[in-house]
């Protein structure tokens, strides 16, 4: 009888298996969010640069005049006007550069952001 009780006792003992769940990094989501962050920052900085370039085009920097130069070595009025026009041309070039950067980065951002919403 003692052996029968031991057999029953052995059967009633249950072993519990502890399962460990390993969370893996979802590389696709990580890539999509990283691209979204980078392109969003590019768009933001390009927007600031665009606004700055517009302000420089509307209000160009004045030509440089050296206050300590001798009167005979000072630049002529025509040279100062040319320098001011060059500043304005450079500002217009920066407007186009900023606009093109925004035009490239914004669709990339929108595409990747929509891909994150699908997942």
PDB file of N, CA and C in Angstrom:
ATOM      1  N   UNK A   1       0.808  -1.191   0.000  1.00  0.00           N
ATOM      2  CA  UNK A   1       0.000   0.000   0.000  1.00  0.00           C
ATOM      3  C   UNK A   1       0.853   1.257   0.000  1.00  0.00           C
ATOM      4  N   UNK A   2       1.963   1.188   0.598  1.00  0.00           N
ATOM      5  CA  UNK A   2       2.838   2.341   0.643  1.00  0.00           C
ATOM      6  C   UNK A   2       3.340   2.688  -0.745  1.00  0.00           C
ATOM      7  N   UNK A   3       3.559   1.698  -1.563  1.00  0.00           N
ATOM      8  CA  UNK A   3       4.026   1.961  -2.909  1.00  0.00           C
ATOM      9  C   UNK A   3       2.939   2.555  -3.769  1.00  0.00           C
ATOM     10  N   UNK A   4       1.709   2.230  -3.532  1.00  0.00           N
ATOM     11  CA  UNK A   4       0.596   2.779  -4.305  1.00  0.00           C
ATOM     12  C   UNK A   4       0.431   4.261  -4.005  1.00  0.00           C
ATOM     13  N   UNK A   5       0.597   4.647  -2.744  1.00  0.00           N
ATOM     14  CA  UNK A   5       0.465   6.052  -2.381  1.00  0.00           C
ATOM     15  C   UNK A   5       1.587   6.885  -3.003  1.00  0.00           C
ATOM     16  N   UNK A   6       2.783   6.336  -3.047  1.00  0.00           N
ATOM     17  CA  UNK A   6       3.907   7.068  -3.630  1.00  0.00           C
ATOM     18  C   UNK A   6       3.698   7.270  -5.127  1.00  0.00           C
ATOM     19  N   UNK A   7       3.147   6.295  -5.781  1.00  0.00           N
ATOM     20  CA  UNK A   7       2.902   6.402  -7.214  1.00  0.00           C
ATOM     21  C   UNK A   7       1.868   7.468  -7.503  1.00  0.00           C
ATOM     22  N   UNK A   8       0.829   7.502  -6.645  1.00  0.00           N
ATOM     23  CA  UNK A   8      -0.200   8.513  -6.817  1.00  0.00           C
ATOM     24  C   UNK A   8       0.380   9.893  -6.538  1.00  0.00           C
ATOM     25  N   UNK A   9       1.217  10.009  -5.538  1.00  0.00           N
ATOM     26  CA  UNK A   9       1.814  11.289  -5.199  1.00  0.00           C
ATOM     27  C   UNK A   9       2.730  11.769  -6.324  1.00  0.00           C
ATOM     28  N   UNK A  10       3.419  10.874  -6.960  1.00  0.00           N
ATOM     29  CA  UNK A  10       4.308  11.264  -8.043  1.00  0.00           C
ATOM     30  C   UNK A  10       3.518  11.766  -9.249  1.00  0.00           C
ATOM     31  N   UNK A  11       2.368  11.168  -9.499  1.00  0.00           N
ATOM     32  CA  UNK A  11       1.572  11.577 -10.644  1.00  0.00           C
ATOM     33  C   UNK A  11       0.919  12.941 -10.443  1.00  0.00           C
ATOM     34  N   UNK A  12       0.595  13.299  -9.221  1.00  0.00           N
ATOM     35  CA  UNK A  12      -0.106  14.547  -8.964  1.00  0.00           C
ATOM     36  C   UNK A  12       0.816  15.767  -9.013  1.00  0.00           C
ATOM     37  N   UNK A  13       2.084  15.555  -8.955  1.00  0.00           N
ATOM     38  CA  UNK A  13       3.021  16.668  -9.001  1.00  0.00           C
ATOM     39  C   UNK A  13       3.156  17.110 -10.467  1.00  0.00           C
ATOM     40  N   UNK A  14       2.832  18.355 -10.677  1.00  0.00           N
ATOM     41  CA  UNK A  14       2.914  18.897 -12.028  1.00  0.00           C
ATOM     42  C   UNK A  14       4.144  19.777 -12.132  1.00  0.00           C
ATOM     43  N   UNK A  15       4.782  19.678 -13.263  1.00  0.00           N
ATOM     44  CA  UNK A  15       5.929  20.538 -13.498  1.00  0.00           C
ATOM     45  C   UNK A  15       5.463  21.745 -14.303  1.00  0.00           C
ATOM     46  N   UNK A  16       5.882  22.890 -13.867  1.00  0.00           N
ATOM     47  CA  UNK A  16       5.525  24.119 -14.579  1.00  0.00           C
ATOM     48  C   UNK A  16       6.714  24.556 -15.415  1.00  0.00           C
ATOM     49  N   UNK A  17       6.437  24.811 -16.644  1.00  0.00           N
ATOM     50  CA  UNK A  17       7.482  25.255 -17.546  1.00  0.00           C
ATOM     51  C   UNK A  17       7.369  26.765 -17.672  1.00  0.00           C
ATOM     52  N   UNK A  18       8.452  27.426 -17.385  1.00  0.00           N
ATOM     53  CA  UNK A  18       8.478  28.878 -17.484  1.00  0.00           C
ATOM     54  C   UNK A  18       8.967  29.232 -18.881  1.00  0.00           C
ATOM     55  N   UNK A  19       8.091  29.871 -19.625  1.00  0.00           N
ATOM     56  CA  UNK A  19       8.456  30.268 -20.968  1.00  0.00           C
ATOM     57  C   UNK A  19       8.960  31.704 -20.940  1.00  0.00           C
ATOM     58  N   UNK A  20      10.074  31.896 -21.547  1.00  0.00           N
ATOM     59  CA  UNK A  20      10.599  33.254 -21.650  1.00  0.00           C
ATOM     60  C   UNK A  20      10.270  33.774 -23.037  1.00  0.00           C
ATOM     61  N   UNK A  21       9.715  34.945 -23.067  1.00  0.00           N
ATOM     62  CA  UNK A  21       9.328  35.562 -24.336  1.00  0.00           C
ATOM     63  C   UNK A  21      10.351  36.625 -24.672  1.00  0.00           C
ATOM     64  N   UNK A  22      11.010  36.454 -25.768  1.00  0.00           N
ATOM     65  CA  UNK A  22      12.027  37.416 -26.188  1.00  0.00           C
ATOM     66  C   UNK A  22      11.408  38.391 -27.166  1.00  0.00           C
ATOM     67  N   UNK A  23      11.366  39.658 -26.766  1.00  0.00           N
ATOM     68  CA  UNK A  23      10.881  40.681 -27.687  1.00  0.00           C
ATOM     69  C   UNK A  23      12.012  41.026 -28.643  1.00  0.00           C
ATOM     70  N   UNK A  24      11.727  40.918 -29.906  1.00  0.00           N
ATOM     71  CA  UNK A  24      12.730  41.253 -30.903  1.00  0.00           C
ATOM     72  C   UNK A  24      12.451  42.641 -31.443  1.00  0.00           C
ATOM     73  N   UNK A  25      13.475  43.254 -31.906  1.00  0.00           N
ATOM     74  CA  UNK A  25      13.346  44.585 -32.479  1.00  0.00           C
ATOM     75  C   UNK A  25      12.706  44.446 -33.854  1.00  0.00           C
ATOM     76  N   UNK A  26      11.686  45.228 -34.076  1.00  0.00           N
ATOM     77  CA  UNK A  26      11.052  45.254 -35.391  1.00  0.00           C
ATOM     78  C   UNK A  26      11.855  46.223 -36.253  1.00  0.00           C
ATOM     79  N   UNK A  27      12.767  45.664 -37.058  1.00  0.00           N
ATOM     80  CA  UNK A  27      13.695  46.477 -37.818  1.00  0.00           C
ATOM     81  C   UNK A  27      12.987  47.330 -38.861  1.00  0.00           C
ATOM     82  N   UNK A  28      11.900  46.829 -39.406  1.00  0.00           N
ATOM     83  CA  UNK A  28      11.170  47.595 -40.418  1.00  0.00           C
ATOM     84  C   UNK A  28      10.590  48.870 -39.810  1.00  0.00           C
ATOM     85  N   UNK A  29       9.958  48.729 -38.666  1.00  0.00           N
ATOM     86  CA  UNK A  29       9.390  49.906 -37.996  1.00  0.00           C
ATOM     87  C   UNK A  29      10.488  50.875 -37.563  1.00  0.00           C
ATOM     88  N   UNK A  30      11.578  50.333 -37.071  1.00  0.00           N
ATOM     89  CA  UNK A  30      12.689  51.174 -36.656  1.00  0.00           C
ATOM     90  C   UNK A  30      13.221  51.970 -37.840  1.00  0.00           C
ATOM     91  N   UNK A  31      13.371  51.316 -38.987  1.00  0.00           N
ATOM     92  CA  UNK A  31      13.824  51.994 -40.203  1.00  0.00           C
ATOM     93  C   UNK A  31      12.836  53.072 -40.617  1.00  0.00           C
ATOM     94  N   UNK A  32      11.553  52.740 -40.628  1.00  0.00           N
ATOM     95  CA  UNK A  32      10.544  53.700 -41.083  1.00  0.00           C
ATOM     96  C   UNK A  32      10.500  54.932 -40.186  1.00  0.00           C
ATOM     97  N   UNK A  33      10.523  54.723 -38.885  1.00  0.00           N
ATOM     98  CA  UNK A  33      10.486  55.862 -37.967  1.00  0.00           C
ATOM     99  C   UNK A  33      11.780  56.678 -38.037  1.00  0.00           C
ATOM    100  N   UNK A  34      12.914  56.036 -38.260  1.00  0.00           N
ATOM    101  CA  UNK A  34      14.179  56.774 -38.381  1.00  0.00           C
ATOM    102  C   UNK A  34      14.177  57.644 -39.634  1.00  0.00           C
ATOM    103  N   UNK A  35      13.688  57.097 -40.740  1.00  0.00           N
ATOM    104  CA  UNK A  35      13.614  57.888 -41.972  1.00  0.00           C
ATOM    105  C   UNK A  35      12.628  59.047 -41.791  1.00  0.00           C
ATOM    106  N   UNK A  36      11.518  58.779 -41.126  1.00  0.00           N
ATOM    107  CA  UNK A  36      10.547  59.854 -40.871  1.00  0.00           C
ATOM    108  C   UNK A  36      11.167  60.968 -40.039  1.00  0.00           C
ATOM    109  N   UNK A  37      11.910  60.607 -39.015  1.00  0.00           N
ATOM    110  CA  UNK A  37      12.544  61.613 -38.165  1.00  0.00           C
ATOM    111  C   UNK A  37      13.559  62.438 -38.955  1.00  0.00           C
ATOM    112  N   UNK A  38      14.387  61.771 -39.720  1.00  0.00           N
ATOM    113  CA  UNK A  38      15.427  62.480 -40.470  1.00  0.00           C
ATOM    114  C   UNK A  38      14.808  63.400 -41.515  1.00  0.00           C
ATOM    115  N   UNK A  39      13.838  62.897 -42.272  1.00  0.00           N
ATOM    116  CA  UNK A  39      13.236  63.734 -43.316  1.00  0.00           C
ATOM    117  C   UNK A  39      12.426  64.877 -42.717  1.00  0.00           C
ATOM    118  N   UNK A  40      11.800  64.647 -41.577  1.00  0.00           N
ATOM    119  CA  UNK A  40      11.071  65.731 -40.925  1.00  0.00           C
ATOM    120  C   UNK A  40      12.024  66.834 -40.474  1.00  0.00           C
ATOM    121  N   UNK A  41      13.171  66.456 -39.943  1.00  0.00           N
ATOM    122  CA  UNK A  41      14.166  67.455 -39.545  1.00  0.00           C
ATOM    123  C   UNK A  41      14.704  68.209 -40.752  1.00  0.00           C
ATOM    124  N   UNK A  42      14.920  67.500 -41.860  1.00  0.00           N
ATOM    125  CA  UNK A  42      15.391  68.164 -43.078  1.00  0.00           C
ATOM    126  C   UNK A  42      14.361  69.177 -43.554  1.00  0.00           C
ATOM    127  N   UNK A  43      13.091  68.804 -43.528  1.00  0.00           N
ATOM    128  CA  UNK A  43      12.029  69.725 -43.954  1.00  0.00           C
ATOM    129  C   UNK A  43      11.976  70.942 -43.029  1.00  0.00           C
ATOM    130  N   UNK A  44      12.092  70.722 -41.724  1.00  0.00           N
ATOM    131  CA  UNK A  44      12.038  71.842 -40.784  1.00  0.00           C
ATOM    132  C   UNK A  44      13.204  72.807 -40.981  1.00  0.00           C
ATOM    133  N   UNK A  45      14.421  72.277 -41.090  1.00  0.00           N
ATOM    134  CA  UNK A  45      15.577  73.151 -41.271  1.00  0.00           C
ATOM    135  C   UNK A  45      15.546  73.846 -42.627  1.00  0.00           C
ATOM    136  N   UNK A  46      15.051  73.163 -43.646  1.00  0.00           N
ATOM    137  CA  UNK A  46      14.942  73.790 -44.962  1.00  0.00           C
ATOM    138  C   UNK A  46      13.884  74.887 -44.966  1.00  0.00           C
ATOM    139  N   UNK A  47      12.835  74.706 -44.197  1.00  0.00           N
ATOM    140  CA  UNK A  47      11.807  75.743 -44.092  1.00  0.00           C
ATOM    141  C   UNK A  47      12.384  76.994 -43.429  1.00  0.00           C
ATOM    142  N   UNK A  48      13.153  76.805 -42.391  1.00  0.00           N
ATOM    143  CA  UNK A  48      13.805  77.945 -41.739  1.00  0.00           C
ATOM    144  C   UNK A  48      14.769  78.629 -42.708  1.00  0.00           C
ATOM    145  N   UNK A  49      15.522  77.836 -43.442  1.00  0.00           N
ATOM    146  CA  UNK A  49      16.449  78.397 -44.424  1.00  0.00           C
ATOM    147  C   UNK A  49      15.703  79.130 -45.539  1.00  0.00           C
ATOM    148  N   UNK A  50      14.559  78.599 -45.947  1.00  0.00           N
ATOM    149  CA  UNK A  50      13.748  79.239 -46.978  1.00  0.00           C
ATOM    150  C   UNK A  50      13.245  80.607 -46.512  1.00  0.00           C
ATOM    151  N   UNK A  51      12.764  80.669 -45.292  1.00  0.00           N
ATOM    152  CA  UNK A  51      12.273  81.943 -44.746  1.00  0.00           C
ATOM    153  C   UNK A  51      13.418  82.953 -44.640  1.00  0.00           C
ATOM    154  N   UNK A  52      14.579  82.483 -44.199  1.00  0.00           N
ATOM    155  CA  UNK A  52      15.742  83.363 -44.092  1.00  0.00           C
ATOM    156  C   UNK A  52      16.167  83.871 -45.466  1.00  0.00           C
ATOM    157  N   UNK A  53      16.151  83.001 -46.471  1.00  0.00           N
ATOM    158  CA  UNK A  53      16.535  83.405 -47.826  1.00  0.00           C
ATOM    159  C   UNK A  53      15.532  84.392 -48.415  1.00  0.00           C
ATOM    160  N   UNK A  54      14.256  84.196 -48.135  1.00  0.00           N
ATOM    161  CA  UNK A  54      13.236  85.148 -48.609  1.00  0.00           C
ATOM    162  C   UNK A  54      13.472  86.516 -47.984  1.00  0.00           C
ATOM    163  N   UNK A  55      13.782  86.536 -46.709  1.00  0.00           N
ATOM    164  CA  UNK A  55      14.053  87.810 -46.035  1.00  0.00           C
ATOM    165  C   UNK A  55      15.303  88.482 -46.621  1.00  0.00           C
ATOM    166  N   UNK A  56      16.322  87.689 -46.959  1.00  0.00           N
ATOM    167  CA  UNK A  56      17.529  88.258 -47.576  1.00  0.00           C
ATOM    168  C   UNK A  56      17.263  88.755 -48.987  1.00  0.00           C
ATOM    169  N   UNK A  57      16.328  88.136 -49.695  1.00  0.00           N
ATOM    170  CA  UNK A  57      15.998  88.596 -51.043  1.00  0.00           C
ATOM    171  C   UNK A  57      15.201  89.896 -50.993  1.00  0.00           C
ATOM    172  N   UNK A  58      14.303  89.993 -50.021  1.00  0.00           N
ATOM    173  CA  UNK A  58      13.484  91.206 -49.891  1.00  0.00           C
ATOM    174  C   UNK A  58      14.316  92.346 -49.319  1.00  0.00           C
ATOM    175  N   UNK A  59      15.100  92.040 -48.313  1.00  0.00           N
ATOM    176  CA  UNK A  59      15.957  93.040 -47.662  1.00  0.00           C
ATOM    177  C   UNK A  59      17.412  92.584 -47.772  1.00  0.00           C
ATOM    178  N   UNK A  60      18.067  92.840 -48.900  1.00  0.00           N
ATOM    179  CA  UNK A  60      19.439  92.349 -49.082  1.00  0.00           C
ATOM    180  C   UNK A  60      20.406  93.033 -48.122  1.00  0.00           C
ATOM    181  N   UNK A  61      21.463  92.309 -47.820  1.00  0.00           N
ATOM    182  CA  UNK A  61      22.502  92.877 -46.958  1.00  0.00           C
ATOM    183  C   UNK A  61      23.147  94.058 -47.676  1.00  0.00           C
ATOM    184  N   UNK A  62      23.411  95.105 -46.949  1.00  0.00           N
ATOM    185  CA  UNK A  62      24.063  96.248 -47.598  1.00  0.00           C
ATOM    186  C   UNK A  62      25.499  95.885 -47.970  1.00  0.00           C
ATOM    187  N   UNK A  63      26.015  96.618 -48.913  1.00  0.00           N
ATOM    188  CA  UNK A  63      27.394  96.390 -49.344  1.00  0.00           C
ATOM    189  C   UNK A  63      28.349  96.778 -48.224  1.00  0.00           C
ATOM    190  N   UNK A  64      29.478  96.107 -48.184  1.00  0.00           N
ATOM    191  CA  UNK A  64      30.461  96.364 -47.136  1.00  0.00           C
ATOM    192  C   UNK A  64      31.263  97.618 -47.465  1.00  0.00           C
ATOM    193  N   UNK A  65      31.336  98.483 -46.482  1.00  0.00           N
ATOM    194  CA  UNK A  65      32.138  99.696 -46.626  1.00  0.00           C
ATOM    195  C   UNK A  65      33.110  99.735 -45.455  1.00  0.00           C
ATOM    196  N   UNK A  66      34.373  99.852 -45.765  1.00  0.00           N
ATOM    197  CA  UNK A  66      35.396  99.932 -44.733  1.00  0.00           C
ATOM    198  C   UNK A  66      35.478 101.376 -44.254  1.00  0.00           C
ATOM    199  N   UNK A  67      35.134 101.600 -43.003  1.00  0.00           N
ATOM    200  CA  UNK A  67      35.113 102.953 -42.454  1.00  0.00           C
ATOM    201  C   UNK A  67      36.513 103.530 -42.269  1.00  0.00           C
ATOM    202  N   UNK A  68      37.517 102.678 -42.171  1.00  0.00           N
ATOM    203  CA  UNK A  68      38.871 103.145 -41.892  1.00  0.00           C
ATOM    204  C   UNK A  68      39.731 103.261 -43.148  1.00  0.00           C
ATOM    205  N   UNK A  69      39.135 103.029 -44.305  1.00  0.00           N
ATOM    206  CA  UNK A  69      39.928 103.137 -45.530  1.00  0.00           C
ATOM    207  C   UNK A  69      40.090 104.606 -45.937  1.00  0.00           C
ATOM    208  N   UNK A  70      41.077 104.849 -46.739  1.00  0.00           N
ATOM    209  CA  UNK A  70      41.331 106.203 -47.222  1.00  0.00           C
ATOM    210  C   UNK A  70      40.292 106.545 -48.283  1.00  0.00           C
ATOM    211  N   UNK A  71      39.950 107.789 -48.440  1.00  0.00           N
ATOM    212  CA  UNK A  71      38.916 108.163 -49.411  1.00  0.00           C
ATOM    213  C   UNK A  71      39.238 107.735 -50.836  1.00  0.00           C
ATOM    214  N   UNK A  72      40.508 107.705 -51.202  1.00  0.00           N
ATOM    215  CA  UNK A  72      40.832 107.331 -52.584  1.00  0.00           C
ATOM    216  C   UNK A  72      40.715 105.826 -52.834  1.00  0.00           C
ATOM    217  N   UNK A  73      40.707 104.997 -51.749  1.00  0.00           N
ATOM    218  CA  UNK A  73      40.593 103.548 -51.930  1.00  0.00           C
ATOM    219  C   UNK A  73      39.180 103.028 -51.668  1.00  0.00           C
ATOM    220  N   UNK A  74      38.258 103.901 -51.354  1.00  0.00           N
ATOM    221  CA  UNK A  74      36.887 103.464 -51.120  1.00  0.00           C
ATOM    222  C   UNK A  74      36.240 103.038 -52.434  1.00  0.00           C
ATOM    223  N   UNK A  75      35.349 102.016 -52.380  1.00  0.00           N
ATOM    224  CA  UNK A  75      34.716 101.545 -53.607  1.00  0.00           C
ATOM    225  C   UNK A  75      33.723 102.576 -54.146  1.00  0.00           C
ATOM    226  N   UNK A  76      33.502 102.513 -55.437  1.00  0.00           N
ATOM    227  CA  UNK A  76      32.578 103.451 -56.072  1.00  0.00           C
ATOM    228  C   UNK A  76      31.133 103.034 -55.797  1.00  0.00           C
ATOM    229  N   UNK A  77      30.232 103.948 -56.105  1.00  0.00           N
ATOM    230  CA  UNK A  77      28.808 103.669 -55.896  1.00  0.00           C
ATOM    231  C   UNK A  77      28.333 102.529 -56.794  1.00  0.00           C
ATOM    232  N   UNK A  78      28.879 102.438 -58.004  1.00  0.00           N
ATOM    233  CA  UNK A  78      28.502 101.358 -58.918  1.00  0.00           C
ATOM    234  C   UNK A  78      28.934 100.000 -58.373  1.00  0.00           C
ATOM    235  N   UNK A  79      30.126  99.963 -57.773  1.00  0.00           N
ATOM    236  CA  UNK A  79      30.612  98.715 -57.189  1.00  0.00           C
ATOM    237  C   UNK A  79      29.760  98.303 -55.988  1.00  0.00           C
ATOM    238  N   UNK A  80      29.348  99.268 -55.190  1.00  0.00           N
ATOM    239  CA  UNK A  80      28.489  98.971 -54.043  1.00  0.00           C
ATOM    240  C   UNK A  80      27.120  98.456 -54.505  1.00  0.00           C
ATOM    241  N   UNK A  81      26.571  99.040 -55.564  1.00  0.00           N
ATOM    242  CA  UNK A  81      25.296  98.557 -56.106  1.00  0.00           C
ATOM    243  C   UNK A  81      25.438  97.133 -56.644  1.00  0.00           C
ATOM    244  N   UNK A  82      26.547  96.874 -57.304  1.00  0.00           N
ATOM    245  CA  UNK A  82      26.791  95.527 -57.841  1.00  0.00           C
ATOM    246  C   UNK A  82      26.898  94.506 -56.709  1.00  0.00           C
ATOM    247  N   UNK A  83      27.545  94.892 -55.622  1.00  0.00           N
ATOM    248  CA  UNK A  83      27.688  94.010 -54.466  1.00  0.00           C
ATOM    249  C   UNK A  83      26.320  93.728 -53.847  1.00  0.00           C
ATOM    250  N   UNK A  84      25.465  94.724 -53.773  1.00  0.00           N
ATOM    251  CA  UNK A  84      24.126  94.545 -53.216  1.00  0.00           C
ATOM    252  C   UNK A  84      23.287  93.640 -54.119  1.00  0.00           C
ATOM    253  N   UNK A  85      23.409  93.798 -55.446  1.00  0.00           N
ATOM    254  CA  UNK A  85      22.687  92.928 -56.390  1.00  0.00           C
ATOM    255  C   UNK A  85      23.182  91.490 -56.281  1.00  0.00           C
ATOM    256  N   UNK A  86      24.485  91.316 -56.092  1.00  0.00           N
ATOM    257  CA  UNK A  86      25.034  89.967 -55.920  1.00  0.00           C
ATOM    258  C   UNK A  86      24.489  89.305 -54.659  1.00  0.00           C
ATOM    259  N   UNK A  87      24.347  90.079 -53.590  1.00  0.00           N
ATOM    260  CA  UNK A  87      23.759  89.545 -52.366  1.00  0.00           C
ATOM    261  C   UNK A  87      22.320  89.093 -52.606  1.00  0.00           C
ATOM    262  N   UNK A  88      21.588  89.873 -53.388  1.00  0.00           N
ATOM    263  CA  UNK A  88      20.197  89.532 -53.675  1.00  0.00           C
ATOM    264  C   UNK A  88      20.121  88.280 -54.564  1.00  0.00           C
ATOM    265  N   UNK A  89      21.014  88.160 -55.535  1.00  0.00           N
ATOM    266  CA  UNK A  89      21.047  86.972 -56.399  1.00  0.00           C
ATOM    267  C   UNK A  89      21.361  85.719 -55.578  1.00  0.00           C
ATOM    268  N   UNK A  90      22.302  85.835 -54.659  1.00  0.00           N
ATOM    269  CA  UNK A  90      22.620  84.695 -53.796  1.00  0.00           C
ATOM    270  C   UNK A  90      21.429  84.299 -52.933  1.00  0.00           C
ATOM    271  N   UNK A  91      20.667  85.270 -52.482  1.00  0.00           N
ATOM    272  CA  UNK A  91      19.479  84.969 -51.684  1.00  0.00           C
ATOM    273  C   UNK A  91      18.446  84.220 -52.521  1.00  0.00           C
ATOM    274  N   UNK A  92      18.276  84.607 -53.774  1.00  0.00           N
ATOM    275  CA  UNK A  92      17.325  83.912 -54.653  1.00  0.00           C
ATOM    276  C   UNK A  92      17.787  82.481 -54.900  1.00  0.00           C
ATOM    277  N   UNK A  93      19.076  82.278 -55.061  1.00  0.00           N
ATOM    278  CA  UNK A  93      19.608  80.924 -55.233  1.00  0.00           C
ATOM    279  C   UNK A  93      19.340  80.072 -53.996  1.00  0.00           C
ATOM    280  N   UNK A  94      19.485  80.662 -52.812  1.00  0.00           N
ATOM    281  CA  UNK A  94      19.203  79.928 -51.580  1.00  0.00           C
ATOM    282  C   UNK A  94      17.719  79.602 -51.455  1.00  0.00           C
ATOM    283  N   UNK A  95      16.847  80.458 -51.984  1.00  0.00           N
ATOM    284  CA  UNK A  95      15.407  80.172 -51.986  1.00  0.00           C
ATOM    285  C   UNK A  95      15.134  78.914 -52.805  1.00  0.00           C
ATOM    286  N   UNK A  96      15.706  78.850 -54.009  1.00  0.00           N
ATOM    287  CA  UNK A  96      15.498  77.677 -54.841  1.00  0.00           C
ATOM    288  C   UNK A  96      16.088  76.420 -54.221  1.00  0.00           C
ATOM    289  N   UNK A  97      17.255  76.535 -53.627  1.00  0.00           N
ATOM    290  CA  UNK A  97      17.879  75.382 -52.977  1.00  0.00           C
ATOM    291  C   UNK A  97      17.015  74.858 -51.829  1.00  0.00           C
ATOM    292  N   UNK A  98      16.521  75.762 -51.010  1.00  0.00           N
ATOM    293  CA  UNK A  98      15.671  75.350 -49.888  1.00  0.00           C
ATOM    294  C   UNK A  98      14.364  74.756 -50.378  1.00  0.00           C
ATOM    295  N   UNK A  99      13.784  75.360 -51.399  1.00  0.00           N
ATOM    296  CA  UNK A  99      12.526  74.856 -51.936  1.00  0.00           C
ATOM    297  C   UNK A  99      12.691  73.461 -52.530  1.00  0.00           C
ATOM    298  N   UNK A 100      13.773  73.226 -53.247  1.00  0.00           N
ATOM    299  CA  UNK A 100      14.009  71.908 -53.835  1.00  0.00           C
ATOM    300  C   UNK A 100      14.253  70.869 -52.741  1.00  0.00           C
ATOM    301  N   UNK A 101      14.961  71.242 -51.697  1.00  0.00           N
ATOM    302  CA  UNK A 101      15.191  70.319 -50.588  1.00  0.00           C
ATOM    303  C   UNK A 101      13.876  69.930 -49.936  1.00  0.00           C
ATOM    304  N   UNK A 102      12.992  70.895 -49.738  1.00  0.00           N
ATOM    305  CA  UNK A 102      11.679  70.601 -49.161  1.00  0.00           C
ATOM    306  C   UNK A 102      10.872  69.727 -50.118  1.00  0.00           C
ATOM    307  N   UNK A 103      10.962  70.022 -51.420  1.00  0.00           N
ATOM    308  CA  UNK A 103      10.200  69.263 -52.414  1.00  0.00           C
ATOM    309  C   UNK A 103      10.660  67.810 -52.501  1.00  0.00           C
ATOM    310  N   UNK A 104      11.899  67.525 -52.161  1.00  0.00           N
ATOM    311  CA  UNK A 104      12.388  66.144 -52.171  1.00  0.00           C
ATOM    312  C   UNK A 104      12.100  65.452 -50.837  1.00  0.00           C
ATOM    313  N   UNK A 105      12.335  66.130 -49.728  1.00  0.00           N
ATOM    314  CA  UNK A 105      12.225  65.501 -48.411  1.00  0.00           C
ATOM    315  C   UNK A 105      10.774  65.294 -47.969  1.00  0.00           C
ATOM    316  N   UNK A 106       9.880  66.201 -48.317  1.00  0.00           N
ATOM    317  CA  UNK A 106       8.489  66.080 -47.867  1.00  0.00           C
ATOM    318  C   UNK A 106       7.799  64.836 -48.416  1.00  0.00           C
ATOM    319  N   UNK A 107       7.897  64.538 -49.717  1.00  0.00           N
ATOM    320  CA  UNK A 107       7.269  63.288 -50.183  1.00  0.00           C
ATOM    321  C   UNK A 107       7.902  62.031 -49.580  1.00  0.00           C
ATOM    322  N   UNK A 108       9.210  62.059 -49.353  1.00  0.00           N
ATOM    323  CA  UNK A 108       9.850  60.915 -48.688  1.00  0.00           C
ATOM    324  C   UNK A 108       9.282  60.719 -47.293  1.00  0.00           C
ATOM    325  N   UNK A 109       9.112  61.816 -46.578  1.00  0.00           N
ATOM    326  CA  UNK A 109       8.522  61.734 -45.242  1.00  0.00           C
ATOM    327  C   UNK A 109       7.106  61.176 -45.309  1.00  0.00           C
ATOM    328  N   UNK A 110       6.288  61.723 -46.202  1.00  0.00           N
ATOM    329  CA  UNK A 110       4.894  61.281 -46.297  1.00  0.00           C
ATOM    330  C   UNK A 110       4.795  59.814 -46.675  1.00  0.00           C
ATOM    331  N   UNK A 111       5.621  59.351 -47.598  1.00  0.00           N
ATOM    332  CA  UNK A 111       5.597  57.950 -48.002  1.00  0.00           C
ATOM    333  C   UNK A 111       5.941  57.036 -46.822  1.00  0.00           C
ATOM    334  N   UNK A 112       7.024  57.348 -46.126  1.00  0.00           N
ATOM    335  CA  UNK A 112       7.437  56.493 -45.012  1.00  0.00           C
ATOM    336  C   UNK A 112       6.459  56.574 -43.846  1.00  0.00           C
ATOM    337  N   UNK A 113       5.860  57.738 -43.626  1.00  0.00           N
ATOM    338  CA  UNK A 113       4.883  57.854 -42.549  1.00  0.00           C
ATOM    339  C   UNK A 113       3.649  57.001 -42.847  1.00  0.00           C
ATOM    340  N   UNK A 114       3.212  56.983 -44.105  1.00  0.00           N
ATOM    341  CA  UNK A 114       2.077  56.123 -44.478  1.00  0.00           C
ATOM    342  C   UNK A 114       2.434  54.647 -44.338  1.00  0.00           C
ATOM    343  N   UNK A 115       3.671  54.300 -44.593  1.00  0.00           N
ATOM    344  CA  UNK A 115       4.091  52.908 -44.428  1.00  0.00           C
ATOM    345  C   UNK A 115       4.062  52.495 -42.964  1.00  0.00           C
ATOM    346  N   UNK A 116       4.362  53.417 -42.050  1.00  0.00           N
ATOM    347  CA  UNK A 116       4.293  53.066 -40.620  1.00  0.00           C
ATOM    348  C   UNK A 116       2.852  52.845 -40.184  1.00  0.00           C
ATOM    349  N   UNK A 117       1.916  53.542 -40.807  1.00  0.00           N
ATOM    350  CA  UNK A 117       0.506  53.400 -40.441  1.00  0.00           C
ATOM    351  C   UNK A 117      -0.064  52.075 -40.960  1.00  0.00           C
ATOM    352  N   UNK A 118       0.496  51.530 -42.034  1.00  0.00           N
ATOM    353  CA  UNK A 118       0.026  50.259 -42.570  1.00  0.00           C
ATOM    354  C   UNK A 118       0.429  49.103 -41.684  1.00  0.00           C
ATOM    355  N   UNK A 119       1.568  49.223 -41.021  1.00  0.00           N
ATOM    356  CA  UNK A 119       2.087  48.117 -40.205  1.00  0.00           C
ATOM    357  C   UNK A 119       1.286  47.920 -38.937  1.00  0.00           C
TER     358      UNK A 119
END
